[in-house]
């Protein structure tokens, strides 16, 4: 999936090899049959068109495509071992093709972006024709292409800046201490260590409301969940794609092993869907 261009190249090379091999095998078979049959088969004009082409169309085109359209996932998963084998077998060829492409100026970031945008536009046009795509799709495409290559660290808020903007809590603080206008800006609050230097985790406000006053669960530390971690250099678009719908709202952004900021997931959504 991450190397779709090379995968398609593998499939196309295999397709051409099969076509050439089938033509050679048919020629050998036809000559042997012609030697044993009393009729002069060599007078048949273009015998491969009469005999080989229908076989290829039926068994190499129509039947496989119909089966893969109906049982796409199961057949694709069964094809993975064979595709992987030929993929790695042809890896040296990919390297040579890549060198040739770069020598002629191909494969630049701008050309890839243009190709991606052209493909997305084709999908968008088809979606508009069918009436199942919304009007702001072009804006979202621009936002997505803008996020491609951009680091996630650019969307994070520094730890010190976060503490100035938001209410923060220590693990030992009582749930009864929660409140205030700043604490209600999000559905989670970030919990720091006792010195308020390092973000440790987050607590859902729904959990606070449900558990406040429950015996045995009186502090933020009892409800705290660790903050998921992201590297500051990770691509923003890639992070957006990998975040499941039920993922936490806040992430700790690291540069090496050093915390440099906190990312609110809504910042990613705004970067992807907001209108400029």
C-alpha atoms as a PDB file:
ATOM      1  CA  UNK A   1       0.000   0.000   0.000  1.00  0.00           C
ATOM      2  CA  UNK A   2       2.852   2.384   0.796  1.00  0.00           C
ATOM      3  CA  UNK A   3       4.540   1.605  -2.545  1.00  0.00           C
ATOM      4  CA  UNK A   4       1.595   1.593  -4.894  1.00  0.00           C
ATOM      5  CA  UNK A   5       3.612   2.705  -7.922  1.00  0.00           C
ATOM      6  CA  UNK A   6       6.071  -0.167  -7.548  1.00  0.00           C
ATOM      7  CA  UNK A   7       3.249  -2.625  -6.903  1.00  0.00           C
ATOM      8  CA  UNK A   8       1.498  -1.576 -10.119  1.00  0.00           C
ATOM      9  CA  UNK A   9       4.818  -1.899 -11.958  1.00  0.00           C
ATOM     10  CA  UNK A  10       5.166  -5.449 -10.610  1.00  0.00           C
ATOM     11  CA  UNK A  11       1.662  -6.347 -11.830  1.00  0.00           C
ATOM     12  CA  UNK A  12       2.237  -4.786 -15.267  1.00  0.00           C
ATOM     13  CA  UNK A  13       5.583  -6.562 -15.721  1.00  0.00           C
ATOM     14  CA  UNK A  14       3.971  -9.851 -14.714  1.00  0.00           C
ATOM     15  CA  UNK A  15       1.120  -9.218 -17.130  1.00  0.00           C
ATOM     16  CA  UNK A  16       3.517  -8.602 -20.021  1.00  0.00           C
ATOM     17  CA  UNK A  17       5.609 -11.653 -19.146  1.00  0.00           C
ATOM     18  CA  UNK A  18       2.471 -13.807 -19.155  1.00  0.00           C
ATOM     19  CA  UNK A  19       1.306 -12.398 -22.485  1.00  0.00           C
ATOM     20  CA  UNK A  20       4.672 -12.999 -24.167  1.00  0.00           C
ATOM     21  CA  UNK A  21       5.039 -16.451 -22.596  1.00  0.00           C
ATOM     22  CA  UNK A  22       1.527 -17.471 -23.672  1.00  0.00           C
ATOM     23  CA  UNK A  23       2.242 -16.363 -27.243  1.00  0.00           C
ATOM     24  CA  UNK A  24       5.500 -18.380 -27.351  1.00  0.00           C
ATOM     25  CA  UNK A  25       3.862 -21.470 -25.813  1.00  0.00           C
ATOM     26  CA  UNK A  26       0.957 -21.216 -28.255  1.00  0.00           C
ATOM     27  CA  UNK A  27       3.368 -20.975 -31.204  1.00  0.00           C
ATOM     28  CA  UNK A  28       5.240 -24.087 -30.023  1.00  0.00           C
ATOM     29  CA  UNK A  29       1.996 -25.989 -29.416  1.00  0.00           C
ATOM     30  CA  UNK A  30       0.547 -24.926 -32.775  1.00  0.00           C
ATOM     31  CA  UNK A  31       3.664 -26.144 -34.621  1.00  0.00           C
ATOM     32  CA  UNK A  32       3.514 -29.542 -32.908  1.00  0.00           C
ATOM     33  CA  UNK A  33      -0.192 -29.955 -33.635  1.00  0.00           C
ATOM     34  CA  UNK A  34       0.414 -28.908 -37.244  1.00  0.00           C
ATOM     35  CA  UNK A  35       3.069 -31.632 -37.553  1.00  0.00           C
ATOM     36  CA  UNK A  36       0.688 -34.390 -36.415  1.00  0.00           C
ATOM     37  CA  UNK A  37      -2.554 -33.226 -38.055  1.00  0.00           C
ATOM     38  CA  UNK A  38      -2.984 -34.170 -41.749  1.00  0.00           C
ATOM     39  CA  UNK A  39      -4.561 -30.794 -42.469  1.00  0.00           C
ATOM     40  CA  UNK A  40      -2.327 -27.850 -43.332  1.00  0.00           C
ATOM     41  CA  UNK A  41      -2.984 -25.600 -40.333  1.00  0.00           C
ATOM     42  CA  UNK A  42      -0.403 -23.071 -41.491  1.00  0.00           C
ATOM     43  CA  UNK A  43      -2.971 -21.760 -43.975  1.00  0.00           C
ATOM     44  CA  UNK A  44      -5.118 -20.425 -41.133  1.00  0.00           C
ATOM     45  CA  UNK A  45      -4.537 -16.637 -41.061  1.00  0.00           C
ATOM     46  CA  UNK A  46      -3.375 -15.299 -37.678  1.00  0.00           C
ATOM     47  CA  UNK A  47      -4.170 -18.475 -35.701  1.00  0.00           C
ATOM     48  CA  UNK A  48      -3.401 -16.809 -32.364  1.00  0.00           C
ATOM     49  CA  UNK A  49      -6.307 -14.430 -32.948  1.00  0.00           C
ATOM     50  CA  UNK A  50      -8.709 -17.327 -33.437  1.00  0.00           C
ATOM     51  CA  UNK A  51      -7.533 -19.605 -30.636  1.00  0.00           C
ATOM     52  CA  UNK A  52      -5.311 -17.782 -28.129  1.00  0.00           C
ATOM     53  CA  UNK A  53      -7.134 -14.460 -27.863  1.00  0.00           C
ATOM     54  CA  UNK A  54     -10.495 -15.938 -26.721  1.00  0.00           C
ATOM     55  CA  UNK A  55      -8.685 -18.008 -24.069  1.00  0.00           C
ATOM     56  CA  UNK A  56      -6.850 -14.941 -22.756  1.00  0.00           C
ATOM     57  CA  UNK A  57      -9.970 -12.781 -22.784  1.00  0.00           C
ATOM     58  CA  UNK A  58     -12.077 -15.339 -20.924  1.00  0.00           C
ATOM     59  CA  UNK A  59      -9.592 -16.831 -18.456  1.00  0.00           C
ATOM     60  CA  UNK A  60      -7.153 -13.910 -17.995  1.00  0.00           C
ATOM     61  CA  UNK A  61      -9.527 -10.954 -18.205  1.00  0.00           C
ATOM     62  CA  UNK A  62     -13.240 -11.618 -17.718  1.00  0.00           C
ATOM     63  CA  UNK A  63     -13.203 -14.376 -15.075  1.00  0.00           C
ATOM     64  CA  UNK A  64     -10.454 -12.898 -12.835  1.00  0.00           C
ATOM     65  CA  UNK A  65     -11.922  -9.397 -12.932  1.00  0.00           C
ATOM     66  CA  UNK A  66     -15.401 -10.685 -12.160  1.00  0.00           C
ATOM     67  CA  UNK A  67     -14.145 -12.772  -9.234  1.00  0.00           C
ATOM     68  CA  UNK A  68     -12.027  -9.940  -7.826  1.00  0.00           C
ATOM     69  CA  UNK A  69     -14.922  -7.540  -8.098  1.00  0.00           C
ATOM     70  CA  UNK A  70     -17.144  -9.873  -6.059  1.00  0.00           C
ATOM     71  CA  UNK A  71     -14.555 -11.268  -3.614  1.00  0.00           C
ATOM     72  CA  UNK A  72     -12.115  -8.358  -3.632  1.00  0.00           C
ATOM     73  CA  UNK A  73     -10.776  -8.561  -0.077  1.00  0.00           C
ATOM     74  CA  UNK A  74     -10.443 -12.336   0.317  1.00  0.00           C
ATOM     75  CA  UNK A  75      -8.808 -12.879  -3.096  1.00  0.00           C
ATOM     76  CA  UNK A  76      -6.478  -9.904  -2.621  1.00  0.00           C
ATOM     77  CA  UNK A  77      -5.288 -11.243   0.742  1.00  0.00           C
ATOM     78  CA  UNK A  78      -4.626 -14.635  -0.860  1.00  0.00           C
ATOM     79  CA  UNK A  79      -2.645 -12.896  -3.627  1.00  0.00           C
ATOM     80  CA  UNK A  80      -0.384 -11.022  -1.212  1.00  0.00           C
ATOM     81  CA  UNK A  81       2.307 -13.769  -0.828  1.00  0.00           C
ATOM     82  CA  UNK A  82       2.762 -14.087  -4.597  1.00  0.00           C
ATOM     83  CA  UNK A  83       2.741 -10.313  -5.087  1.00  0.00           C
ATOM     84  CA  UNK A  84       5.240  -9.862  -2.264  1.00  0.00           C
ATOM     85  CA  UNK A  85       7.576 -12.482  -3.769  1.00  0.00           C
ATOM     86  CA  UNK A  86       7.630 -10.870  -7.206  1.00  0.00           C
ATOM     87  CA  UNK A  87       7.748  -7.399  -5.654  1.00  0.00           C
ATOM     88  CA  UNK A  88      11.039  -8.132  -3.881  1.00  0.00           C
ATOM     89  CA  UNK A  89      12.317 -10.102  -6.857  1.00  0.00           C
ATOM     90  CA  UNK A  90      11.916  -7.002  -9.040  1.00  0.00           C
ATOM     91  CA  UNK A  91      13.268  -4.534  -6.455  1.00  0.00           C
ATOM     92  CA  UNK A  92      16.589  -4.044  -8.324  1.00  0.00           C
ATOM     93  CA  UNK A  93      14.599  -3.071 -11.415  1.00  0.00           C
ATOM     94  CA  UNK A  94      12.675  -0.465  -9.396  1.00  0.00           C
ATOM     95  CA  UNK A  95      15.987   1.053  -8.315  1.00  0.00           C
ATOM     96  CA  UNK A  96      17.178   1.293 -11.938  1.00  0.00           C
ATOM     97  CA  UNK A  97      13.871   2.788 -13.090  1.00  0.00           C
ATOM     98  CA  UNK A  98      14.030   5.325 -10.267  1.00  0.00           C
ATOM     99  CA  UNK A  99      17.542   6.388 -11.289  1.00  0.00           C
ATOM    100  CA  UNK A 100      16.479   6.778 -14.926  1.00  0.00           C
ATOM    101  CA  UNK A 101      13.399   8.746 -13.861  1.00  0.00           C
ATOM    102  CA  UNK A 102      15.490  11.112 -11.751  1.00  0.00           C
ATOM    103  CA  UNK A 103      18.004  11.533 -14.598  1.00  0.00           C
ATOM    104  CA  UNK A 104      15.191  12.837 -16.812  1.00  0.00           C
ATOM    105  CA  UNK A 105      13.814  15.080 -14.084  1.00  0.00           C
ATOM    106  CA  UNK A 106      10.880  12.862 -13.179  1.00  0.00           C
ATOM    107  CA  UNK A 107       9.588  12.036  -9.734  1.00  0.00           C
ATOM    108  CA  UNK A 108       9.946  15.523  -8.256  1.00  0.00           C
ATOM    109  CA  UNK A 109       7.716  16.599  -5.407  1.00  0.00           C
ATOM    110  CA  UNK A 110       5.812  19.051  -7.596  1.00  0.00           C
ATOM    111  CA  UNK A 111       5.083  16.461 -10.260  1.00  0.00           C
ATOM    112  CA  UNK A 112       3.933  13.945  -7.661  1.00  0.00           C
ATOM    113  CA  UNK A 113       1.645  16.537  -6.079  1.00  0.00           C
ATOM    114  CA  UNK A 114       0.274  17.403  -9.500  1.00  0.00           C
ATOM    115  CA  UNK A 115      -0.381  13.739 -10.205  1.00  0.00           C
ATOM    116  CA  UNK A 116      -2.056  13.219  -6.860  1.00  0.00           C
ATOM    117  CA  UNK A 117      -4.190  16.305  -7.345  1.00  0.00           C
ATOM    118  CA  UNK A 118      -5.199  15.176 -10.831  1.00  0.00           C
ATOM    119  CA  UNK A 119      -6.301  11.788  -9.487  1.00  0.00           C
ATOM    120  CA  UNK A 120      -8.241  13.400  -6.632  1.00  0.00           C
ATOM    121  CA  UNK A 121      -9.928  15.801  -9.048  1.00  0.00           C
ATOM    122  CA  UNK A 122     -11.023  12.898 -11.236  1.00  0.00           C
ATOM    123  CA  UNK A 123     -12.563  11.224  -8.198  1.00  0.00           C
ATOM    124  CA  UNK A 124     -14.186  14.517  -7.190  1.00  0.00           C
ATOM    125  CA  UNK A 125     -15.661  15.042 -10.655  1.00  0.00           C
ATOM    126  CA  UNK A 126     -17.151  11.544 -10.594  1.00  0.00           C
ATOM    127  CA  UNK A 127     -18.481  12.180  -7.079  1.00  0.00           C
ATOM    128  CA  UNK A 128     -20.137  15.433  -8.150  1.00  0.00           C
ATOM    129  CA  UNK A 129     -21.683  13.680 -11.140  1.00  0.00           C
ATOM    130  CA  UNK A 130     -23.189  11.040  -8.855  1.00  0.00           C
ATOM    131  CA  UNK A 131     -24.180  13.608  -6.261  1.00  0.00           C
ATOM    132  CA  UNK A 132     -22.302  12.004  -3.350  1.00  0.00           C
ATOM    133  CA  UNK A 133     -19.545  14.569  -2.768  1.00  0.00           C
ATOM    134  CA  UNK A 134     -19.921  17.879  -0.988  1.00  0.00           C
ATOM    135  CA  UNK A 135     -19.175  21.360  -2.303  1.00  0.00           C
ATOM    136  CA  UNK A 136     -16.083  21.993  -0.162  1.00  0.00           C
ATOM    137  CA  UNK A 137     -14.156  19.013  -1.562  1.00  0.00           C
ATOM    138  CA  UNK A 138     -11.780  21.266  -3.513  1.00  0.00           C
ATOM    139  CA  UNK A 139     -10.874  23.148  -0.342  1.00  0.00           C
ATOM    140  CA  UNK A 140     -10.225  19.896   1.510  1.00  0.00           C
ATOM    141  CA  UNK A 141      -8.000  18.704  -1.330  1.00  0.00           C
ATOM    142  CA  UNK A 142      -5.942  21.893  -1.080  1.00  0.00           C
ATOM    143  CA  UNK A 143      -5.676  21.515   2.690  1.00  0.00           C
ATOM    144  CA  UNK A 144      -4.640  17.861   2.414  1.00  0.00           C
ATOM    145  CA  UNK A 145      -1.945  18.622  -0.154  1.00  0.00           C
ATOM    146  CA  UNK A 146      -0.732  21.460   2.069  1.00  0.00           C
ATOM    147  CA  UNK A 147      -0.447  19.057   5.023  1.00  0.00           C
ATOM    148  CA  UNK A 148       1.534  16.549   2.956  1.00  0.00           C
ATOM    149  CA  UNK A 149       5.156  16.934   3.974  1.00  0.00           C
ATOM    150  CA  UNK A 150       4.322  19.273   6.863  1.00  0.00           C
ATOM    151  CA  UNK A 151       5.569  18.253  10.315  1.00  0.00           C
ATOM    152  CA  UNK A 152       3.120  17.573  13.121  1.00  0.00           C
ATOM    153  CA  UNK A 153       5.257  19.690  15.428  1.00  0.00           C
ATOM    154  CA  UNK A 154       4.076  22.821  13.622  1.00  0.00           C
ATOM    155  CA  UNK A 155       0.522  22.203  14.859  1.00  0.00           C
ATOM    156  CA  UNK A 156       1.486  21.475  18.471  1.00  0.00           C
ATOM    157  CA  UNK A 157       1.370  24.045  21.271  1.00  0.00           C
ATOM    158  CA  UNK A 158       4.489  24.402  23.416  1.00  0.00           C
ATOM    159  CA  UNK A 159       4.262  23.031  26.950  1.00  0.00           C
ATOM    160  CA  UNK A 160       4.695  26.439  28.595  1.00  0.00           C
ATOM    161  CA  UNK A 161       2.237  28.060  26.218  1.00  0.00           C
ATOM    162  CA  UNK A 162      -0.251  25.279  26.922  1.00  0.00           C
ATOM    163  CA  UNK A 163      -0.091  25.938  30.649  1.00  0.00           C
ATOM    164  CA  UNK A 164      -0.850  29.614  30.034  1.00  0.00           C
ATOM    165  CA  UNK A 165      -3.855  28.863  27.823  1.00  0.00           C
ATOM    166  CA  UNK A 166      -5.443  25.911  29.605  1.00  0.00           C
ATOM    167  CA  UNK A 167      -6.286  24.678  33.039  1.00  0.00           C
ATOM    168  CA  UNK A 168      -3.814  22.017  34.133  1.00  0.00           C
ATOM    169  CA  UNK A 169      -3.966  19.645  37.075  1.00  0.00           C
ATOM    170  CA  UNK A 170      -1.648  17.507  39.182  1.00  0.00           C
ATOM    171  CA  UNK A 171      -2.280  13.770  39.733  1.00  0.00           C
ATOM    172  CA  UNK A 172      -2.770  14.385  43.451  1.00  0.00           C
ATOM    173  CA  UNK A 173      -5.406  17.088  43.004  1.00  0.00           C
ATOM    174  CA  UNK A 174      -8.928  16.222  44.066  1.00  0.00           C
ATOM    175  CA  UNK A 175     -11.666  15.918  41.449  1.00  0.00           C
ATOM    176  CA  UNK A 176     -13.673  18.391  43.507  1.00  0.00           C
ATOM    177  CA  UNK A 177     -11.130  21.079  42.539  1.00  0.00           C
ATOM    178  CA  UNK A 178     -12.118  20.907  38.904  1.00  0.00           C
ATOM    179  CA  UNK A 179     -13.973  23.907  37.545  1.00  0.00           C
ATOM    180  CA  UNK A 180     -13.554  27.328  36.077  1.00  0.00           C
ATOM    181  CA  UNK A 181     -14.070  28.637  32.586  1.00  0.00           C
ATOM    182  CA  UNK A 182     -10.661  27.538  31.280  1.00  0.00           C
ATOM    183  CA  UNK A 183     -11.289  23.942  32.288  1.00  0.00           C
ATOM    184  CA  UNK A 184     -14.411  23.709  30.132  1.00  0.00           C
ATOM    185  CA  UNK A 185     -12.872  24.525  26.751  1.00  0.00           C
ATOM    186  CA  UNK A 186     -12.343  20.876  25.835  1.00  0.00           C
ATOM    187  CA  UNK A 187     -13.711  17.467  26.726  1.00  0.00           C
ATOM    188  CA  UNK A 188     -10.380  16.496  28.286  1.00  0.00           C
ATOM    189  CA  UNK A 189      -7.914  18.129  30.630  1.00  0.00           C
ATOM    190  CA  UNK A 190      -4.173  17.473  30.616  1.00  0.00           C
ATOM    191  CA  UNK A 191      -2.586  16.293  33.846  1.00  0.00           C
ATOM    192  CA  UNK A 192       1.032  17.291  34.581  1.00  0.00           C
ATOM    193  CA  UNK A 193       3.473  15.953  37.147  1.00  0.00           C
ATOM    194  CA  UNK A 194       3.483  17.427  40.641  1.00  0.00           C
ATOM    195  CA  UNK A 195       5.939  20.163  39.586  1.00  0.00           C
ATOM    196  CA  UNK A 196       3.763  21.058  36.554  1.00  0.00           C
ATOM    197  CA  UNK A 197       6.681  20.519  34.202  1.00  0.00           C
ATOM    198  CA  UNK A 198       5.976  17.307  32.287  1.00  0.00           C
ATOM    199  CA  UNK A 199       2.583  16.336  30.787  1.00  0.00           C
ATOM    200  CA  UNK A 200       1.699  12.864  31.989  1.00  0.00           C
ATOM    201  CA  UNK A 201      -1.790  12.095  30.762  1.00  0.00           C
ATOM    202  CA  UNK A 202      -5.327  13.256  30.199  1.00  0.00           C
ATOM    203  CA  UNK A 203      -8.630  12.916  32.026  1.00  0.00           C
ATOM    204  CA  UNK A 204     -12.024  12.931  30.348  1.00  0.00           C
ATOM    205  CA  UNK A 205     -14.417  15.506  31.774  1.00  0.00           C
ATOM    206  CA  UNK A 206     -17.183  12.945  31.411  1.00  0.00           C
ATOM    207  CA  UNK A 207     -15.233  10.655  33.754  1.00  0.00           C
ATOM    208  CA  UNK A 208     -14.760  13.555  36.178  1.00  0.00           C
ATOM    209  CA  UNK A 209     -18.496  14.250  36.195  1.00  0.00           C
ATOM    210  CA  UNK A 210     -19.368  10.575  36.692  1.00  0.00           C
ATOM    211  CA  UNK A 211     -16.732   9.729  39.298  1.00  0.00           C
ATOM    212  CA  UNK A 212     -16.605  12.920  41.349  1.00  0.00           C
ATOM    213  CA  UNK A 213     -17.762  12.014  44.813  1.00  0.00           C
ATOM    214  CA  UNK A 214     -17.344   8.254  44.255  1.00  0.00           C
ATOM    215  CA  UNK A 215     -15.420   6.694  47.133  1.00  0.00           C
ATOM    216  CA  UNK A 216     -11.918   5.487  46.227  1.00  0.00           C
ATOM    217  CA  UNK A 217     -11.678   7.678  43.110  1.00  0.00           C
ATOM    218  CA  UNK A 218     -11.023  11.157  44.385  1.00  0.00           C
ATOM    219  CA  UNK A 219      -7.952  12.389  42.444  1.00  0.00           C
ATOM    220  CA  UNK A 220      -7.128  13.136  38.818  1.00  0.00           C
ATOM    221  CA  UNK A 221      -4.347  10.554  38.958  1.00  0.00           C
ATOM    222  CA  UNK A 222      -6.895   7.793  39.548  1.00  0.00           C
ATOM    223  CA  UNK A 223      -8.643   8.593  36.247  1.00  0.00           C
ATOM    224  CA  UNK A 224      -5.589   9.646  34.231  1.00  0.00           C
ATOM    225  CA  UNK A 225      -4.779   7.900  30.942  1.00  0.00           C
ATOM    226  CA  UNK A 226      -1.261   8.238  29.463  1.00  0.00           C
ATOM    227  CA  UNK A 227      -0.870  10.680  26.605  1.00  0.00           C
ATOM    228  CA  UNK A 228      -0.110   8.989  23.260  1.00  0.00           C
ATOM    229  CA  UNK A 229       3.204  10.184  21.838  1.00  0.00           C
ATOM    230  CA  UNK A 230       4.105  11.555  18.437  1.00  0.00           C
ATOM    231  CA  UNK A 231       7.471  12.527  16.993  1.00  0.00           C
ATOM    232  CA  UNK A 232       7.600  16.198  16.050  1.00  0.00           C
ATOM    233  CA  UNK A 233       8.948  15.353  12.596  1.00  0.00           C
ATOM    234  CA  UNK A 234       6.086  13.027  11.668  1.00  0.00           C
ATOM    235  CA  UNK A 235       4.017  14.112   8.664  1.00  0.00           C
ATOM    236  CA  UNK A 236       0.784  15.819   9.671  1.00  0.00           C
ATOM    237  CA  UNK A 237      -1.271  14.174   6.930  1.00  0.00           C
ATOM    238  CA  UNK A 238       0.056  10.735   7.876  1.00  0.00           C
ATOM    239  CA  UNK A 239      -0.887  11.319  11.524  1.00  0.00           C
ATOM    240  CA  UNK A 240      -4.393  12.368  10.520  1.00  0.00           C
ATOM    241  CA  UNK A 241      -4.845   9.210   8.458  1.00  0.00           C
ATOM    242  CA  UNK A 242      -3.702   6.937  11.294  1.00  0.00           C
ATOM    243  CA  UNK A 243      -5.819   8.425  14.063  1.00  0.00           C
ATOM    244  CA  UNK A 244      -8.836   6.203  14.746  1.00  0.00           C
ATOM    245  CA  UNK A 245     -12.175   7.890  15.472  1.00  0.00           C
ATOM    246  CA  UNK A 246     -12.026   6.892  19.141  1.00  0.00           C
ATOM    247  CA  UNK A 247      -8.460   8.111  19.683  1.00  0.00           C
ATOM    248  CA  UNK A 248      -7.679  10.499  22.579  1.00  0.00           C
ATOM    249  CA  UNK A 249      -7.969  14.211  21.956  1.00  0.00           C
ATOM    250  CA  UNK A 250      -4.498  15.198  23.185  1.00  0.00           C
ATOM    251  CA  UNK A 251      -1.058  13.904  22.178  1.00  0.00           C
ATOM    252  CA  UNK A 252       2.394  14.545  23.598  1.00  0.00           C
ATOM    253  CA  UNK A 253       4.810  15.711  20.875  1.00  0.00           C
ATOM    254  CA  UNK A 254       8.465  14.748  21.338  1.00  0.00           C
ATOM    255  CA  UNK A 255      11.705  15.931  19.783  1.00  0.00           C
ATOM    256  CA  UNK A 256      13.939  12.964  20.439  1.00  0.00           C
ATOM    257  CA  UNK A 257      12.957  12.073  24.007  1.00  0.00           C
ATOM    258  CA  UNK A 258      12.237  15.662  25.021  1.00  0.00           C
ATOM    259  CA  UNK A 259       8.596  16.839  25.240  1.00  0.00           C
ATOM    260  CA  UNK A 260       8.207  19.959  23.107  1.00  0.00           C
ATOM    261  CA  UNK A 261       4.455  20.435  22.933  1.00  0.00           C
ATOM    262  CA  UNK A 262       0.930  19.136  23.179  1.00  0.00           C
ATOM    263  CA  UNK A 263      -1.219  18.484  20.138  1.00  0.00           C
ATOM    264  CA  UNK A 264      -4.967  18.927  20.244  1.00  0.00           C
ATOM    265  CA  UNK A 265      -6.477  16.575  17.661  1.00  0.00           C
ATOM    266  CA  UNK A 266      -8.923  19.305  16.705  1.00  0.00           C
ATOM    267  CA  UNK A 267      -5.964  21.295  15.329  1.00  0.00           C
ATOM    268  CA  UNK A 268      -5.437  18.539  12.769  1.00  0.00           C
ATOM    269  CA  UNK A 269      -9.105  18.562  11.812  1.00  0.00           C
ATOM    270  CA  UNK A 270      -9.056  22.339  11.428  1.00  0.00           C
ATOM    271  CA  UNK A 271      -5.966  22.133   9.216  1.00  0.00           C
ATOM    272  CA  UNK A 272      -7.722  19.549   7.029  1.00  0.00           C
ATOM    273  CA  UNK A 273     -11.259  20.922   6.893  1.00  0.00           C
ATOM    274  CA  UNK A 274     -11.146  24.648   7.717  1.00  0.00           C
ATOM    275  CA  UNK A 275     -11.784  27.142   4.941  1.00  0.00           C
ATOM    276  CA  UNK A 276      -8.931  29.511   4.152  1.00  0.00           C
END
